[in-house]
């Protein structure tokens, strides 16, 4: 079981991910809705893993990822993206993301990604 922080600007997406992860016996330590909250909550909770949407207000997921990775080089981050954001996904991986999951979420794919990143 991992302690996971979920950050996505869409409440429905956070709820969907939360349900999938709790079904996989993971603990959700916090939720945020923009990139700045991702940074602040990561500092506060120091989760085992962070799921981070790419497109968000205030700060994008990519900006948040870069800040978090600079401060916490061992951070395990999985980026969430809609179809058609391949360029941003590549940039996210180059910036330290360990994996990405595509919306709409598939529970088996989400849990498999979490397991692989936590190994």
Protein backbone atom coordinates (compact mmCIF):
# COMPACT_ATOMS: atom_id res chain seq x y z
CA UNK A 1 0.00 0.00 0.00
CA UNK A 2 1.31 3.40 -1.01
CA UNK A 3 0.56 6.92 0.22
CA UNK A 4 -0.59 8.80 -2.88
CA UNK A 5 -1.28 12.46 -3.65
CA UNK A 6 -3.73 13.19 -6.51
CA UNK A 7 -3.62 16.53 -8.33
CA UNK A 8 -6.05 17.27 -11.17
CA UNK A 9 -8.16 20.37 -11.83
CA UNK A 10 -11.24 18.22 -12.56
CA UNK A 11 -12.96 17.03 -9.39
CA UNK A 12 -14.52 14.11 -11.29
CA UNK A 13 -11.06 12.91 -12.40
CA UNK A 14 -9.73 13.14 -8.83
CA UNK A 15 -12.70 11.14 -7.56
CA UNK A 16 -12.31 8.53 -10.31
CA UNK A 17 -8.60 8.08 -9.55
CA UNK A 18 -9.22 8.07 -5.79
CA UNK A 19 -11.76 5.25 -6.12
CA UNK A 20 -9.47 3.19 -8.36
CA UNK A 21 -6.49 3.64 -6.06
CA UNK A 22 -8.42 2.89 -2.88
CA UNK A 23 -9.76 -0.25 -4.58
CA UNK A 24 -6.10 -1.15 -5.09
CA UNK A 25 -5.49 -0.76 -1.33
CA UNK A 26 -3.65 2.56 -1.58
CA UNK A 27 -4.09 5.49 0.80
CA UNK A 28 -4.92 8.93 -0.60
CA UNK A 29 -3.06 11.46 1.56
CA UNK A 30 -4.30 14.56 -0.24
CA UNK A 31 -5.86 16.10 -3.32
CA UNK A 32 -5.12 19.31 -5.19
CA UNK A 33 -6.50 21.11 -8.20
CA UNK A 34 -3.58 23.08 -9.65
CA UNK A 35 0.18 22.94 -10.06
CA UNK A 36 0.96 25.22 -7.12
CA UNK A 37 -1.16 23.05 -4.81
CA UNK A 38 0.76 20.02 -6.12
CA UNK A 39 4.04 21.58 -4.97
CA UNK A 40 2.67 22.74 -1.60
CA UNK A 41 0.94 19.41 -0.85
CA UNK A 42 3.98 17.41 -1.94
CA UNK A 43 6.13 19.35 0.52
CA UNK A 44 3.55 18.83 3.27
CA UNK A 45 2.78 15.13 2.81
CA UNK A 46 5.91 13.77 1.06
CA UNK A 47 3.81 11.00 -0.52
CA UNK A 48 5.19 7.76 -1.94
CA UNK A 49 3.74 8.75 -5.30
CA UNK A 50 2.06 11.72 -6.99
CA UNK A 51 -0.42 11.57 -9.87
CA UNK A 52 -0.29 14.89 -11.71
CA UNK A 53 -2.47 16.22 -14.51
CA UNK A 54 -0.58 18.04 -17.27
CA UNK A 55 -3.05 20.85 -18.07
CA UNK A 56 -4.09 22.83 -14.97
CA UNK A 57 -4.55 26.46 -13.88
CA UNK A 58 -2.12 28.58 -11.81
CA UNK A 59 0.83 26.32 -12.69
CA UNK A 60 0.75 23.51 -15.23
CA UNK A 61 1.56 19.96 -14.25
CA UNK A 62 4.83 20.25 -16.19
CA UNK A 63 5.88 23.35 -14.23
CA UNK A 64 4.95 21.65 -10.95
CA UNK A 65 6.79 18.47 -11.96
CA UNK A 66 9.99 20.41 -12.68
CA UNK A 67 9.84 22.24 -9.32
CA UNK A 68 9.06 19.09 -7.36
CA UNK A 69 11.77 17.11 -9.14
CA UNK A 70 14.35 19.85 -8.47
CA UNK A 71 13.53 19.88 -4.76
CA UNK A 72 12.85 16.13 -4.44
CA UNK A 73 14.96 14.31 -7.07
CA UNK A 74 13.62 10.91 -5.97
CA UNK A 75 9.96 11.93 -6.31
CA UNK A 76 7.82 9.31 -8.03
CA UNK A 77 5.40 11.12 -10.33
CA UNK A 78 2.93 9.68 -12.81
CA UNK A 79 1.56 12.22 -15.28
CA UNK A 80 -2.07 12.09 -16.41
CA UNK A 81 -2.94 13.30 -19.88
CA UNK A 82 -5.74 13.37 -22.38
CA UNK A 83 -5.18 11.85 -25.78
CA UNK A 84 -3.26 14.05 -28.17
CA UNK A 85 -0.78 15.44 -25.64
CA UNK A 86 2.14 13.23 -26.69
CA UNK A 87 4.58 16.14 -26.97
CA UNK A 88 3.86 17.17 -23.38
CA UNK A 89 4.10 13.56 -22.19
CA UNK A 90 7.58 13.27 -23.71
CA UNK A 91 8.59 16.54 -22.02
CA UNK A 92 7.20 15.23 -18.71
CA UNK A 93 9.22 12.01 -18.94
CA UNK A 94 12.34 14.03 -19.79
CA UNK A 95 11.60 16.22 -16.74
CA UNK A 96 11.48 13.30 -14.32
CA UNK A 97 8.02 11.70 -14.56
CA UNK A 98 8.22 7.93 -14.13
CA UNK A 99 5.18 7.07 -16.28
CA UNK A 100 1.98 8.48 -17.71
CA UNK A 101 -1.61 7.33 -17.78
CA UNK A 102 -4.13 8.43 -20.38
CA UNK A 103 -7.63 9.71 -19.72
CA UNK A 104 -10.20 8.25 -19.57
CA UNK A 105 -8.59 6.08 -16.91
CA UNK A 106 -8.54 2.30 -17.10
CA UNK A 107 -8.29 0.81 -13.59
CA UNK A 108 -6.02 -2.08 -14.60
CA UNK A 109 -3.63 0.28 -16.42
CA UNK A 110 -3.62 2.76 -13.51
CA UNK A 111 -2.85 0.09 -10.89
CA UNK A 112 -0.23 -1.53 -13.13
CA UNK A 113 1.51 1.83 -13.61
CA UNK A 114 1.47 2.50 -9.84
CA UNK A 115 2.95 -0.93 -9.11
CA UNK A 116 5.73 -0.54 -11.68
CA UNK A 117 6.71 2.96 -10.49
CA UNK A 118 6.77 1.89 -6.83
CA UNK A 119 9.03 -1.14 -7.43
